[in-house]
Amino acid sequence: MSRYSIIITIAVWVIILPFLGFPSFWETLFLVLSGFGIIFYTFMLKSESANGSSWSFSKDNDVYVENGIDHNNEKKIQKQK
């Protein structure tokens, strides 16, 4: 199960929890633990993206390239000169 689906599952749990009929102490405890779970997995996702495991924009990875222009090839030619 991915971290995203775990966060979604905990969020759905928080939504349906008030309708399940738990005593107020247990309901409060489950809500607090669910909140900590969401915080924990959010920090895990944040640290994963900070490590560079997700994609990002940079000058070397152009999303749009004009017709006939190859920046990597131009850099190689400039280094050879």
C-alpha atoms as a PDB file:
ATOM      1  CA  MET A   1       0.000   0.000   0.000  1.00  0.00           C
ATOM      2  CA  SER A   2       1.501   3.334  -1.022  1.00  0.00           C
ATOM      3  CA  ARG A   3       1.839   6.238   1.384  1.00  0.00           C
ATOM      4  CA  TYR A   4      -0.727   8.229  -0.585  1.00  0.00           C
ATOM      5  CA  SER A   5      -3.328   5.500  -0.244  1.00  0.00           C
ATOM      6  CA  ILE A   6      -2.568   5.195   3.488  1.00  0.00           C
ATOM      7  CA  ILE A   7      -3.240   8.919   3.951  1.00  0.00           C
ATOM      8  CA  ILE A   8      -6.488   8.635   1.986  1.00  0.00           C
ATOM      9  CA  THR A   9      -7.540   5.600   4.055  1.00  0.00           C
ATOM     10  CA  ILE A  10      -6.871   7.443   7.334  1.00  0.00           C
ATOM     11  CA  ALA A  11      -8.787  10.472   6.035  1.00  0.00           C
ATOM     12  CA  VAL A  12     -11.808   8.301   5.185  1.00  0.00           C
ATOM     13  CA  TRP A  13     -11.523   6.727   8.646  1.00  0.00           C
ATOM     14  CA  VAL A  14     -11.653  10.216  10.217  1.00  0.00           C
ATOM     15  CA  ILE A  15     -14.732  11.058   8.158  1.00  0.00           C
ATOM     16  CA  ILE A  16     -16.737   7.949   9.156  1.00  0.00           C
ATOM     17  CA  LEU A  17     -15.488   7.695  12.759  1.00  0.00           C
ATOM     18  CA  PRO A  18     -18.146   9.977  14.333  1.00  0.00           C
ATOM     19  CA  PHE A  19     -20.923   7.793  12.883  1.00  0.00           C
ATOM     20  CA  LEU A  20     -19.624   4.478  14.294  1.00  0.00           C
ATOM     21  CA  GLY A  21     -20.942   4.995  17.831  1.00  0.00           C
ATOM     22  CA  PHE A  22     -17.750   4.744  19.878  1.00  0.00           C
ATOM     23  CA  PRO A  23     -17.766   6.259  23.372  1.00  0.00           C
ATOM     24  CA  SER A  24     -16.420   9.820  23.394  1.00  0.00           C
ATOM     25  CA  PHE A  25     -13.092   8.843  25.023  1.00  0.00           C
ATOM     26  CA  TRP A  26     -12.339   6.228  22.355  1.00  0.00           C
ATOM     27  CA  GLU A  27     -13.538   8.474  19.555  1.00  0.00           C
ATOM     28  CA  THR A  28     -11.224  11.258  20.736  1.00  0.00           C
ATOM     29  CA  LEU A  29      -8.331   8.829  21.085  1.00  0.00           C
ATOM     30  CA  PHE A  30      -8.881   7.421  17.577  1.00  0.00           C
ATOM     31  CA  LEU A  31      -9.110  10.925  16.104  1.00  0.00           C
ATOM     32  CA  VAL A  32      -5.861  12.006  17.787  1.00  0.00           C
ATOM     33  CA  LEU A  33      -4.034   8.848  16.668  1.00  0.00           C
ATOM     34  CA  SER A  34      -5.394   9.264  13.138  1.00  0.00           C
ATOM     35  CA  GLY A  35      -4.195  12.871  13.108  1.00  0.00           C
ATOM     36  CA  PHE A  36      -0.719  11.774  14.173  1.00  0.00           C
ATOM     37  CA  GLY A  37      -0.802   9.126  11.442  1.00  0.00           C
ATOM     38  CA  ILE A  38      -1.645  11.709   8.788  1.00  0.00           C
ATOM     39  CA  ILE A  39       1.111  14.008  10.082  1.00  0.00           C
ATOM     40  CA  PHE A  40       3.641  11.151  10.125  1.00  0.00           C
ATOM     41  CA  TYR A  41       2.903   9.994   6.579  1.00  0.00           C
ATOM     42  CA  THR A  42       2.852  13.579   5.299  1.00  0.00           C
ATOM     43  CA  PHE A  43       6.341  14.131   6.704  1.00  0.00           C
ATOM     44  CA  MET A  44       7.445  10.846   5.135  1.00  0.00           C
ATOM     45  CA  LEU A  45       6.195  12.058   1.740  1.00  0.00           C
ATOM     46  CA  LYS A  46       7.862  15.434   2.245  1.00  0.00           C
ATOM     47  CA  SER A  47      11.223  13.848   3.059  1.00  0.00           C
ATOM     48  CA  GLU A  48      10.854  11.516   0.068  1.00  0.00           C
ATOM     49  CA  SER A  49      10.362  14.460  -2.282  1.00  0.00           C
ATOM     50  CA  ALA A  50      13.224  16.386  -0.612  1.00  0.00           C
ATOM     51  CA  ASN A  51      15.596  13.495  -1.345  1.00  0.00           C
ATOM     52  CA  GLY A  52      14.974  13.989  -5.044  1.00  0.00           C
ATOM     53  CA  SER A  53      13.127  10.757  -5.627  1.00  0.00           C
ATOM     54  CA  SER A  54      10.332  12.601  -7.390  1.00  0.00           C
ATOM     55  CA  TRP A  55      10.656  14.440 -10.680  1.00  0.00           C
ATOM     56  CA  SER A  56      11.481  18.120 -10.857  1.00  0.00           C
ATOM     57  CA  PHE A  57      12.141  20.785 -13.440  1.00  0.00           C
ATOM     58  CA  SER A  58      15.712  21.749 -14.174  1.00  0.00           C
ATOM     59  CA  LYS A  59      17.634  23.377 -16.991  1.00  0.00           C
ATOM     60  CA  ASP A  60      18.999  20.024 -18.180  1.00  0.00           C
ATOM     61  CA  ASN A  61      15.552  18.426 -18.514  1.00  0.00           C
ATOM     62  CA  ASP A  62      13.647  20.696 -20.868  1.00  0.00           C
ATOM     63  CA  VAL A  63       9.926  20.137 -21.053  1.00  0.00           C
ATOM     64  CA  TYR A  64       9.633  22.104 -24.284  1.00  0.00           C
ATOM     65  CA  VAL A  65      12.352  22.044 -26.913  1.00  0.00           C
ATOM     66  CA  GLU A  66      12.221  24.211 -29.999  1.00  0.00           C
ATOM     67  CA  ASN A  67      12.403  22.516 -33.380  1.00  0.00           C
ATOM     68  CA  GLY A  68      15.912  21.375 -34.244  1.00  0.00           C
ATOM     69  CA  ILE A  69      17.598  22.680 -31.074  1.00  0.00           C
ATOM     70  CA  ASP A  70      19.429  20.179 -28.908  1.00  0.00           C
ATOM     71  CA  HIS A  71      20.859  21.913 -25.827  1.00  0.00           C
ATOM     72  CA  ASN A  72      22.873  18.882 -24.751  1.00  0.00           C
ATOM     73  CA  ASN A  73      24.524  18.691 -28.169  1.00  0.00           C
ATOM     74  CA  GLU A  74      25.303  22.445 -28.054  1.00  0.00           C
ATOM     75  CA  LYS A  75      27.013  22.012 -24.664  1.00  0.00           C
ATOM     76  CA  LYS A  76      29.167  19.181 -26.039  1.00  0.00           C
ATOM     77  CA  ILE A  77      30.175  21.307 -29.011  1.00  0.00           C
ATOM     78  CA  GLN A  78      31.073  24.254 -26.746  1.00  0.00           C
ATOM     79  CA  LYS A  79      33.199  22.016 -24.522  1.00  0.00           C
ATOM     80  CA  GLN A  80      35.126  20.734 -27.557  1.00  0.00           C
ATOM     81  CA  LYS A  81      36.080  24.292 -28.652  1.00  0.00           C
END
